[in-house]
C-alpha cells in the first residue's frame, strides 16, 4: 500500500487558540513529521491549551532551533515537544539551549522502525534531560505537557481528571463487551 502524501505543514505551521496564547511549542525536524506531531496539537486543543508548531532541524538549521528555544519562554511558551526521526537529535539540541522542559517524540524511521529515533532521543547526558515518550506517541507527549501545566492550573486539573475517567469508562466498556462474548 503506498504511503499517503503528507499534507503541507503550511496549513497549520503556527496555531493559536482564540482562548489562549501558545504555551506549548511543537517542533519537528521535517514537515513529513507533521502527521505524527499533529496528534500532539489535537490533544492540546482538546484540553484548551494553546500551541504553536515549527519545522526546525537539529542538523540542517541548528541556529533556528537555538534561537527558537532560547526565546520561547519570553513569548510565554512553558514546555517544548520535539519530534524527529532517524538521528533524532532535535529534542536534545532543544534541551541544551533552554531551561524549559523538553518532551521528545521519537518518530518511526524506515530503516530501524524508530528504534534509532528512540535511542537518539532518550540517551541524553547528565544535566540535559529530555522526557521521552514511546515511538510516534505525540498524543502522550501532549498529555504529559498538560499534566505539567496542570500543576498550577485548576481548570487543567479538572480536565485531566475527566480525561482519566473517560479512559477508565472505555476500559470498563471493553471489559463488558468481552464478558458478553460467547466462550468456547
N, C-alpha and C. Protein backbone atom coordinates (compact mmCIF):
# COMPACT_ATOMS: atom_id res chain seq x y z
N UNK A 1 0.85 -1.17 0.00
CA UNK A 1 0.00 0.00 0.00
C UNK A 1 0.89 1.24 0.00
N UNK A 2 0.70 2.16 -0.94
CA UNK A 2 1.56 3.34 -0.99
C UNK A 2 1.31 4.26 0.20
N UNK A 3 2.38 4.88 0.63
CA UNK A 3 2.29 5.82 1.75
C UNK A 3 1.51 7.05 1.31
N UNK A 4 0.64 7.53 2.19
CA UNK A 4 -0.12 8.73 1.87
C UNK A 4 0.80 9.93 1.80
N UNK A 5 0.49 10.81 0.89
CA UNK A 5 1.27 12.04 0.76
C UNK A 5 1.00 12.92 1.98
N UNK A 6 2.06 13.45 2.54
CA UNK A 6 1.94 14.30 3.71
C UNK A 6 1.33 15.64 3.32
N UNK A 7 0.27 16.07 4.04
CA UNK A 7 -0.28 17.38 3.73
C UNK A 7 0.74 18.46 4.09
N UNK A 8 0.76 19.54 3.33
CA UNK A 8 1.75 20.58 3.63
C UNK A 8 1.51 21.18 5.00
N UNK A 9 2.59 21.38 5.72
CA UNK A 9 2.50 21.97 7.05
C UNK A 9 2.04 23.41 6.97
N UNK A 10 2.13 24.01 5.81
CA UNK A 10 1.74 25.42 5.66
C UNK A 10 0.30 25.66 6.11
N UNK A 11 -0.52 24.62 6.13
CA UNK A 11 -1.90 24.80 6.59
C UNK A 11 -1.96 25.07 8.09
N UNK A 12 -0.99 24.60 8.85
CA UNK A 12 -1.01 24.78 10.30
C UNK A 12 0.37 24.98 10.89
N UNK A 13 1.25 25.80 10.32
CA UNK A 13 2.58 25.91 10.89
C UNK A 13 2.58 26.57 12.25
N UNK A 14 1.69 27.49 12.47
CA UNK A 14 1.58 28.13 13.76
C UNK A 14 0.10 28.26 14.07
N UNK A 15 -0.31 27.68 15.17
CA UNK A 15 -1.72 27.70 15.51
C UNK A 15 -1.87 28.30 16.89
N UNK A 16 -2.79 29.21 17.01
CA UNK A 16 -3.06 29.80 18.31
C UNK A 16 -4.56 29.69 18.56
N UNK A 17 -4.92 29.10 19.68
CA UNK A 17 -6.32 29.05 20.04
C UNK A 17 -6.77 30.46 20.39
N UNK A 18 -8.01 30.76 20.09
CA UNK A 18 -8.50 32.10 20.38
C UNK A 18 -8.63 32.33 21.88
N UNK A 19 -8.72 31.26 22.65
CA UNK A 19 -8.91 31.42 24.09
C UNK A 19 -7.60 31.58 24.85
N UNK A 20 -6.49 31.26 24.22
CA UNK A 20 -5.23 31.37 24.95
C UNK A 20 -4.06 31.51 23.98
N UNK A 21 -2.98 32.06 24.49
CA UNK A 21 -1.77 32.16 23.68
C UNK A 21 -1.03 30.82 23.74
N UNK A 22 -0.12 30.59 22.83
CA UNK A 22 0.60 29.32 22.84
C UNK A 22 1.45 29.16 24.11
N UNK A 23 1.25 28.07 24.80
CA UNK A 23 2.09 27.76 25.96
C UNK A 23 2.91 26.50 25.73
N UNK A 24 2.63 25.81 24.63
CA UNK A 24 3.42 24.63 24.25
C UNK A 24 3.96 24.86 22.84
N UNK A 25 5.26 24.70 22.70
CA UNK A 25 5.89 24.78 21.39
C UNK A 25 6.10 23.39 20.84
N UNK A 26 5.62 23.14 19.65
CA UNK A 26 5.79 21.84 18.99
C UNK A 26 6.83 22.03 17.89
N UNK A 27 7.94 21.31 18.01
CA UNK A 27 8.99 21.36 17.00
C UNK A 27 9.07 20.01 16.30
N UNK A 28 9.39 20.05 15.02
CA UNK A 28 9.64 18.82 14.28
C UNK A 28 10.78 19.05 13.31
N UNK A 29 11.52 17.99 13.04
CA UNK A 29 12.69 18.11 12.19
C UNK A 29 12.37 18.26 10.72
N UNK A 30 11.17 17.86 10.31
CA UNK A 30 10.78 17.90 8.90
C UNK A 30 9.26 18.01 8.82
N UNK A 31 8.76 18.58 7.74
CA UNK A 31 7.31 18.64 7.61
C UNK A 31 6.69 17.26 7.41
N UNK A 32 7.50 16.27 7.06
CA UNK A 32 6.99 14.90 6.96
C UNK A 32 6.65 14.32 8.34
N UNK A 33 7.10 14.98 9.41
CA UNK A 33 6.79 14.56 10.78
C UNK A 33 5.42 15.07 11.24
N UNK A 34 4.80 15.97 10.47
CA UNK A 34 3.55 16.59 10.89
C UNK A 34 2.42 15.59 11.16
N UNK A 35 2.22 14.53 10.35
CA UNK A 35 1.13 13.61 10.67
C UNK A 35 1.23 13.01 12.07
N UNK A 36 2.43 12.78 12.56
CA UNK A 36 2.62 12.30 13.93
C UNK A 36 2.43 13.45 14.92
N UNK A 37 3.11 14.56 14.68
CA UNK A 37 3.10 15.67 15.64
C UNK A 37 1.74 16.37 15.70
N UNK A 38 0.96 16.23 14.66
CA UNK A 38 -0.39 16.81 14.68
C UNK A 38 -1.23 16.22 15.80
N UNK A 39 -0.92 14.98 16.18
CA UNK A 39 -1.65 14.36 17.29
C UNK A 39 -1.40 15.10 18.60
N UNK A 40 -0.21 15.64 18.77
CA UNK A 40 0.05 16.47 19.95
C UNK A 40 -0.81 17.73 19.89
N UNK A 41 -0.86 18.35 18.73
CA UNK A 41 -1.66 19.57 18.57
C UNK A 41 -3.13 19.30 18.87
N UNK A 42 -3.66 18.23 18.32
CA UNK A 42 -5.07 17.90 18.54
C UNK A 42 -5.35 17.61 20.01
N UNK A 43 -4.43 16.92 20.66
CA UNK A 43 -4.62 16.61 22.08
C UNK A 43 -4.57 17.87 22.92
N UNK A 44 -3.62 18.75 22.63
CA UNK A 44 -3.55 20.02 23.36
C UNK A 44 -4.84 20.81 23.15
N UNK A 45 -5.34 20.85 21.93
CA UNK A 45 -6.60 21.55 21.66
C UNK A 45 -7.74 20.97 22.48
N UNK A 46 -7.76 19.65 22.63
CA UNK A 46 -8.85 19.02 23.38
C UNK A 46 -8.85 19.46 24.85
N UNK A 47 -7.71 19.89 25.34
CA UNK A 47 -7.61 20.41 26.71
C UNK A 47 -7.68 21.94 26.75
N UNK A 48 -7.83 22.57 25.60
CA UNK A 48 -7.89 24.03 25.56
C UNK A 48 -6.54 24.69 25.79
N UNK A 49 -5.47 24.00 25.43
CA UNK A 49 -4.11 24.52 25.62
C UNK A 49 -3.61 25.06 24.29
N UNK A 50 -3.16 26.30 24.27
CA UNK A 50 -2.64 26.92 23.06
C UNK A 50 -1.27 26.37 22.69
N UNK A 51 -1.02 26.28 21.38
CA UNK A 51 0.25 25.73 20.90
C UNK A 51 0.67 26.44 19.62
N UNK A 52 1.93 26.24 19.30
CA UNK A 52 2.46 26.69 18.02
C UNK A 52 3.37 25.59 17.50
N UNK A 53 3.49 25.47 16.19
CA UNK A 53 4.31 24.40 15.61
C UNK A 53 5.27 24.99 14.58
N UNK A 54 6.49 24.44 14.58
CA UNK A 54 7.53 24.92 13.66
C UNK A 54 8.37 23.74 13.19
N UNK A 55 8.89 23.86 11.97
CA UNK A 55 9.87 22.91 11.44
C UNK A 55 11.24 23.53 11.61
N UNK A 56 12.06 22.91 12.46
CA UNK A 56 13.44 23.34 12.68
C UNK A 56 14.28 22.07 12.83
N UNK A 57 15.30 21.92 12.05
CA UNK A 57 16.11 20.72 12.06
C UNK A 57 17.36 20.89 12.92
N UNK A 58 17.62 19.90 13.77
CA UNK A 58 18.83 19.94 14.60
C UNK A 58 20.09 19.92 13.74
N UNK A 59 20.01 19.31 12.57
CA UNK A 59 21.19 19.16 11.72
C UNK A 59 21.25 20.17 10.58
N UNK A 60 20.10 20.49 10.00
CA UNK A 60 20.08 21.40 8.84
C UNK A 60 19.87 22.87 9.22
N UNK A 61 19.30 23.12 10.38
CA UNK A 61 19.09 24.51 10.81
C UNK A 61 19.26 24.64 12.32
N UNK A 62 20.42 24.25 12.85
CA UNK A 62 20.61 24.28 14.30
C UNK A 62 20.47 25.68 14.91
N UNK A 63 20.82 26.70 14.15
CA UNK A 63 20.69 28.06 14.67
C UNK A 63 19.22 28.43 14.87
N UNK A 64 18.35 27.98 13.99
CA UNK A 64 16.91 28.22 14.18
C UNK A 64 16.41 27.54 15.44
N UNK A 65 16.87 26.33 15.69
CA UNK A 65 16.48 25.61 16.91
C UNK A 65 16.93 26.40 18.13
N UNK A 66 18.19 26.80 18.14
CA UNK A 66 18.73 27.54 19.29
C UNK A 66 17.95 28.83 19.50
N UNK A 67 17.72 29.56 18.43
CA UNK A 67 17.02 30.84 18.55
C UNK A 67 15.58 30.63 19.05
N UNK A 68 14.90 29.65 18.50
CA UNK A 68 13.52 29.40 18.92
C UNK A 68 13.44 29.06 20.40
N UNK A 69 14.22 28.07 20.83
CA UNK A 69 14.08 27.64 22.23
C UNK A 69 14.60 28.68 23.21
N UNK A 70 15.61 29.44 22.82
CA UNK A 70 16.14 30.45 23.75
C UNK A 70 15.18 31.62 23.92
N UNK A 71 14.27 31.83 22.97
CA UNK A 71 13.31 32.93 23.07
C UNK A 71 11.90 32.46 23.43
N UNK A 72 11.70 31.17 23.53
CA UNK A 72 10.35 30.63 23.74
C UNK A 72 9.74 31.10 25.06
N UNK A 73 10.49 31.02 26.14
CA UNK A 73 9.94 31.40 27.45
C UNK A 73 9.51 32.86 27.48
N UNK A 74 10.26 33.71 26.84
CA UNK A 74 9.92 35.14 26.81
C UNK A 74 8.59 35.38 26.10
N UNK A 75 8.21 34.46 25.21
CA UNK A 75 6.94 34.59 24.50
C UNK A 75 5.81 33.88 25.23
N UNK A 76 6.09 33.23 26.35
CA UNK A 76 5.06 32.56 27.12
C UNK A 76 5.00 31.06 26.93
N UNK A 77 5.87 30.51 26.11
CA UNK A 77 5.92 29.05 25.95
C UNK A 77 6.50 28.46 27.22
N UNK A 78 5.85 27.43 27.75
CA UNK A 78 6.27 26.80 29.01
C UNK A 78 6.90 25.43 28.82
N UNK A 79 6.54 24.75 27.75
CA UNK A 79 7.01 23.38 27.50
C UNK A 79 7.23 23.22 26.00
N UNK A 80 8.25 22.46 25.65
CA UNK A 80 8.54 22.18 24.25
C UNK A 80 8.37 20.69 24.00
N UNK A 81 7.64 20.36 22.95
CA UNK A 81 7.53 18.98 22.48
C UNK A 81 8.29 18.93 21.16
N UNK A 82 9.30 18.06 21.09
CA UNK A 82 10.14 18.00 19.89
C UNK A 82 10.13 16.58 19.32
N UNK A 83 9.76 16.47 18.06
CA UNK A 83 9.71 15.17 17.42
C UNK A 83 10.62 15.10 16.21
N UNK A 84 11.32 13.97 16.08
CA UNK A 84 12.21 13.77 14.94
C UNK A 84 12.43 12.28 14.75
N UNK A 85 12.83 11.92 13.53
CA UNK A 85 13.12 10.54 13.22
C UNK A 85 14.58 10.35 12.86
N UNK A 86 14.98 9.10 12.74
CA UNK A 86 16.37 8.79 12.37
C UNK A 86 17.34 9.21 13.45
N UNK A 87 18.33 10.00 13.05
CA UNK A 87 19.29 10.55 14.02
C UNK A 87 18.59 11.71 14.72
N UNK A 88 17.69 11.35 15.61
CA UNK A 88 16.71 12.28 16.19
C UNK A 88 17.32 13.11 17.32
N UNK A 89 18.08 14.11 16.97
CA UNK A 89 18.75 14.94 17.97
C UNK A 89 18.01 16.23 18.28
N UNK A 90 16.85 16.46 17.68
CA UNK A 90 16.15 17.73 17.86
C UNK A 90 15.81 18.00 19.32
N UNK A 91 15.23 17.05 20.01
CA UNK A 91 14.86 17.27 21.41
C UNK A 91 16.10 17.55 22.26
N UNK A 92 17.17 16.84 22.02
CA UNK A 92 18.40 17.05 22.78
C UNK A 92 19.02 18.41 22.52
N UNK A 93 19.04 18.83 21.27
CA UNK A 93 19.57 20.15 20.94
C UNK A 93 18.70 21.23 21.57
N UNK A 94 17.38 21.03 21.52
CA UNK A 94 16.48 21.99 22.16
C UNK A 94 16.75 22.06 23.66
N UNK A 95 16.87 20.90 24.30
CA UNK A 95 17.12 20.87 25.75
C UNK A 95 18.44 21.53 26.12
N UNK A 96 19.41 21.46 25.24
CA UNK A 96 20.72 22.06 25.52
C UNK A 96 20.66 23.58 25.56
N UNK A 97 19.64 24.16 24.95
CA UNK A 97 19.57 25.62 24.83
C UNK A 97 18.43 26.27 25.60
N UNK A 98 17.81 25.53 26.52
CA UNK A 98 16.71 26.11 27.29
C UNK A 98 16.63 25.47 28.66
N UNK A 99 15.99 26.17 29.58
CA UNK A 99 15.69 25.57 30.88
C UNK A 99 14.24 25.08 30.92
N UNK A 100 13.50 25.26 29.83
CA UNK A 100 12.14 24.75 29.76
C UNK A 100 12.16 23.23 29.68
N UNK A 101 11.12 22.57 30.19
CA UNK A 101 11.03 21.12 30.00
C UNK A 101 10.89 20.80 28.51
N UNK A 102 11.58 19.76 28.08
CA UNK A 102 11.50 19.30 26.69
C UNK A 102 11.03 17.85 26.71
N UNK A 103 9.99 17.60 25.93
CA UNK A 103 9.45 16.25 25.79
C UNK A 103 9.78 15.77 24.38
N UNK A 104 10.49 14.66 24.29
CA UNK A 104 10.90 14.14 22.99
C UNK A 104 9.94 13.09 22.46
N UNK A 105 9.66 13.19 21.17
CA UNK A 105 8.83 12.20 20.48
C UNK A 105 9.68 11.55 19.39
N UNK A 106 10.17 10.33 19.63
CA UNK A 106 10.90 9.64 18.57
C UNK A 106 9.91 9.23 17.48
N UNK A 107 10.25 9.49 16.24
CA UNK A 107 9.35 9.21 15.13
C UNK A 107 9.88 8.02 14.34
N UNK A 108 8.97 7.12 13.99
CA UNK A 108 9.36 5.90 13.28
C UNK A 108 10.14 6.24 12.02
N UNK A 109 11.22 5.49 11.82
CA UNK A 109 12.06 5.66 10.64
C UNK A 109 11.94 4.43 9.76
N UNK A 110 12.40 4.55 8.53
CA UNK A 110 12.29 3.44 7.58
C UNK A 110 13.23 2.30 7.94
N UNK A 111 14.46 2.63 8.30
CA UNK A 111 15.47 1.57 8.44
C UNK A 111 15.33 0.75 9.71
N UNK A 112 15.04 1.37 10.82
CA UNK A 112 15.02 0.63 12.09
C UNK A 112 13.69 0.74 12.83
N UNK A 113 12.64 1.10 12.13
CA UNK A 113 11.29 1.18 12.71
C UNK A 113 11.19 2.13 13.90
N UNK A 114 12.10 3.08 14.00
CA UNK A 114 12.04 4.07 15.06
C UNK A 114 12.94 3.80 16.24
N UNK A 115 13.57 2.62 16.28
CA UNK A 115 14.47 2.33 17.39
C UNK A 115 15.63 3.31 17.41
N UNK A 116 16.14 3.65 16.23
CA UNK A 116 17.22 4.65 16.16
C UNK A 116 16.75 5.99 16.71
N UNK A 117 15.54 6.38 16.38
CA UNK A 117 14.98 7.64 16.87
C UNK A 117 14.80 7.60 18.38
N UNK A 118 14.29 6.49 18.88
CA UNK A 118 14.08 6.34 20.32
C UNK A 118 15.39 6.47 21.08
N UNK A 119 16.40 5.75 20.64
CA UNK A 119 17.69 5.79 21.34
C UNK A 119 18.35 7.16 21.23
N UNK A 120 18.23 7.81 20.07
CA UNK A 120 18.80 9.15 19.91
C UNK A 120 18.12 10.16 20.82
N UNK A 121 16.84 9.97 21.07
CA UNK A 121 16.08 10.91 21.89
C UNK A 121 16.28 10.67 23.38
N UNK A 122 16.30 9.42 23.77
CA UNK A 122 16.30 9.10 25.21
C UNK A 122 17.71 9.11 25.83
N UNK A 123 18.75 8.85 25.06
CA UNK A 123 20.10 8.74 25.61
C UNK A 123 20.75 10.12 25.71
N UNK A 124 20.42 10.84 26.76
CA UNK A 124 20.94 12.19 26.95
C UNK A 124 21.96 12.21 28.08
N UNK A 125 22.94 13.10 27.98
CA UNK A 125 23.94 13.18 29.04
C UNK A 125 23.38 13.82 30.31
N UNK A 126 24.04 13.55 31.40
CA UNK A 126 23.66 14.12 32.70
C UNK A 126 23.53 15.64 32.58
N UNK A 127 22.46 16.16 33.14
CA UNK A 127 22.25 17.60 33.16
C UNK A 127 21.48 18.16 31.98
N UNK A 128 21.20 17.32 30.98
CA UNK A 128 20.44 17.77 29.80
C UNK A 128 19.31 16.77 29.56
N UNK A 129 18.31 16.76 30.45
CA UNK A 129 17.26 15.75 30.33
C UNK A 129 16.26 16.04 29.22
N UNK A 130 15.77 14.97 28.63
CA UNK A 130 14.65 15.02 27.71
C UNK A 130 13.67 13.95 28.17
N UNK A 131 12.47 14.36 28.56
CA UNK A 131 11.42 13.39 28.88
C UNK A 131 11.01 12.78 27.55
N UNK A 132 11.03 11.46 27.45
CA UNK A 132 10.80 10.81 26.16
C UNK A 132 9.61 9.87 26.25
N UNK A 133 8.73 9.96 25.25
CA UNK A 133 7.58 9.07 25.17
C UNK A 133 7.87 7.99 24.13
N UNK A 134 6.93 7.09 23.94
CA UNK A 134 7.12 5.99 23.00
C UNK A 134 7.17 6.49 21.56
N UNK A 135 7.64 5.64 20.68
CA UNK A 135 7.75 5.97 19.26
C UNK A 135 6.38 6.39 18.71
N UNK A 136 6.35 7.54 18.06
CA UNK A 136 5.14 8.11 17.44
C UNK A 136 4.05 8.49 18.45
N UNK A 137 4.38 8.61 19.71
CA UNK A 137 3.37 8.89 20.74
C UNK A 137 3.26 10.37 21.06
N UNK A 138 3.01 11.16 20.03
CA UNK A 138 2.89 12.61 20.23
C UNK A 138 1.69 12.96 21.11
N UNK A 139 0.62 12.17 21.03
CA UNK A 139 -0.54 12.44 21.89
C UNK A 139 -0.15 12.29 23.36
N UNK A 140 0.64 11.27 23.69
CA UNK A 140 1.09 11.11 25.08
C UNK A 140 2.02 12.25 25.49
N UNK A 141 2.82 12.74 24.57
CA UNK A 141 3.67 13.90 24.88
C UNK A 141 2.80 15.09 25.26
N UNK A 142 1.70 15.26 24.55
CA UNK A 142 0.79 16.37 24.86
C UNK A 142 0.13 16.17 26.21
N UNK A 143 -0.29 14.95 26.52
CA UNK A 143 -0.89 14.69 27.84
C UNK A 143 0.13 14.99 28.93
N UNK A 144 1.37 14.58 28.74
CA UNK A 144 2.41 14.88 29.73
C UNK A 144 2.59 16.39 29.88
N UNK A 145 2.57 17.11 28.78
CA UNK A 145 2.69 18.57 28.84
C UNK A 145 1.53 19.17 29.63
N UNK A 146 0.32 18.67 29.38
CA UNK A 146 -0.85 19.16 30.11
C UNK A 146 -0.72 18.84 31.60
N UNK A 147 -0.21 17.66 31.93
CA UNK A 147 -0.02 17.31 33.34
C UNK A 147 0.96 18.28 34.01
N UNK A 148 2.01 18.64 33.31
CA UNK A 148 2.97 19.62 33.87
C UNK A 148 2.30 20.97 34.07
N UNK A 149 1.56 21.41 33.07
CA UNK A 149 0.87 22.70 33.17
C UNK A 149 -0.19 22.69 34.27
N UNK A 150 -0.80 21.53 34.50
CA UNK A 150 -1.88 21.41 35.49
C UNK A 150 -1.39 21.55 36.92
N UNK A 151 -0.09 21.46 37.13
CA UNK A 151 0.42 21.63 38.50
C UNK A 151 -0.02 22.96 39.10
N UNK A 152 -0.22 23.96 38.26
CA UNK A 152 -0.60 25.29 38.73
C UNK A 152 -1.86 25.80 38.04
N UNK A 153 -2.72 24.89 37.59
CA UNK A 153 -3.91 25.31 36.85
C UNK A 153 -5.08 24.38 37.21
N UNK A 154 -5.99 24.89 38.02
CA UNK A 154 -7.11 24.08 38.50
C UNK A 154 -8.01 23.61 37.35
N UNK A 155 -8.19 24.44 36.32
CA UNK A 155 -9.02 24.04 35.18
C UNK A 155 -8.42 22.81 34.49
N UNK A 156 -7.11 22.82 34.29
CA UNK A 156 -6.47 21.67 33.66
C UNK A 156 -6.50 20.45 34.56
N UNK A 157 -6.41 20.64 35.87
CA UNK A 157 -6.52 19.51 36.80
C UNK A 157 -7.88 18.83 36.64
N UNK A 158 -8.94 19.63 36.56
CA UNK A 158 -10.28 19.07 36.37
C UNK A 158 -10.40 18.38 35.01
N UNK A 159 -9.84 19.00 33.99
CA UNK A 159 -9.90 18.41 32.64
C UNK A 159 -9.16 17.08 32.59
N UNK A 160 -8.02 17.00 33.26
CA UNK A 160 -7.26 15.74 33.30
C UNK A 160 -8.02 14.67 34.07
N UNK A 161 -8.65 15.04 35.18
CA UNK A 161 -9.44 14.08 35.95
C UNK A 161 -10.57 13.52 35.09
N UNK A 162 -11.24 14.39 34.34
CA UNK A 162 -12.32 13.94 33.45
C UNK A 162 -11.78 13.05 32.34
N UNK A 163 -10.61 13.39 31.81
CA UNK A 163 -9.97 12.60 30.76
C UNK A 163 -9.65 11.19 31.28
N UNK A 164 -9.07 11.11 32.47
CA UNK A 164 -8.73 9.81 33.06
C UNK A 164 -9.99 8.99 33.31
N UNK A 165 -11.06 9.66 33.73
CA UNK A 165 -12.33 8.97 33.95
C UNK A 165 -12.86 8.40 32.63
N UNK A 166 -12.76 9.17 31.54
CA UNK A 166 -13.20 8.67 30.23
C UNK A 166 -12.38 7.45 29.81
N UNK A 167 -11.08 7.47 30.11
CA UNK A 167 -10.24 6.31 29.79
C UNK A 167 -10.72 5.08 30.56
N UNK A 168 -11.02 5.26 31.85
CA UNK A 168 -11.48 4.15 32.68
C UNK A 168 -12.82 3.61 32.20
N UNK A 169 -13.72 4.50 31.83
CA UNK A 169 -15.03 4.08 31.32
C UNK A 169 -14.85 3.27 30.03
N UNK A 170 -13.93 3.70 29.18
CA UNK A 170 -13.66 2.96 27.95
C UNK A 170 -13.16 1.55 28.21
N UNK A 171 -12.31 1.39 29.21
CA UNK A 171 -11.81 0.06 29.57
C UNK A 171 -12.94 -0.79 30.14
N UNK A 172 -13.78 -0.19 30.99
CA UNK A 172 -14.90 -0.93 31.56
C UNK A 172 -15.87 -1.39 30.47
N UNK A 173 -16.11 -0.53 29.49
CA UNK A 173 -16.99 -0.89 28.38
C UNK A 173 -16.38 -2.04 27.57
N UNK A 174 -15.08 -1.99 27.31
CA UNK A 174 -14.42 -3.08 26.59
C UNK A 174 -14.51 -4.38 27.37
N UNK A 175 -14.38 -4.30 28.69
CA UNK A 175 -14.48 -5.48 29.54
C UNK A 175 -15.89 -6.06 29.49
N UNK A 176 -16.90 -5.18 29.52
CA UNK A 176 -18.28 -5.65 29.44
C UNK A 176 -18.53 -6.37 28.11
N UNK A 177 -18.01 -5.80 27.02
CA UNK A 177 -18.18 -6.43 25.71
C UNK A 177 -17.51 -7.79 25.66
N UNK A 178 -16.33 -7.89 26.23
CA UNK A 178 -15.61 -9.16 26.26
C UNK A 178 -16.36 -10.16 27.13
N UNK A 179 -16.89 -9.70 28.26
CA UNK A 179 -17.65 -10.58 29.14
C UNK A 179 -18.91 -11.11 28.48
N UNK A 180 -19.44 -10.35 27.55
CA UNK A 180 -20.65 -10.77 26.85
C UNK A 180 -20.32 -11.69 25.68
N UNK A 181 -19.06 -11.81 25.34
CA UNK A 181 -18.67 -12.66 24.21
C UNK A 181 -18.86 -14.13 24.57
N UNK A 182 -19.35 -14.91 23.62
CA UNK A 182 -19.52 -16.35 23.90
C UNK A 182 -18.18 -17.02 24.19
N UNK A 183 -18.18 -17.91 25.13
CA UNK A 183 -16.96 -18.64 25.50
C UNK A 183 -16.96 -19.99 24.77
N UNK A 184 -15.77 -20.46 24.45
CA UNK A 184 -15.65 -21.76 23.78
C UNK A 184 -15.24 -22.82 24.75
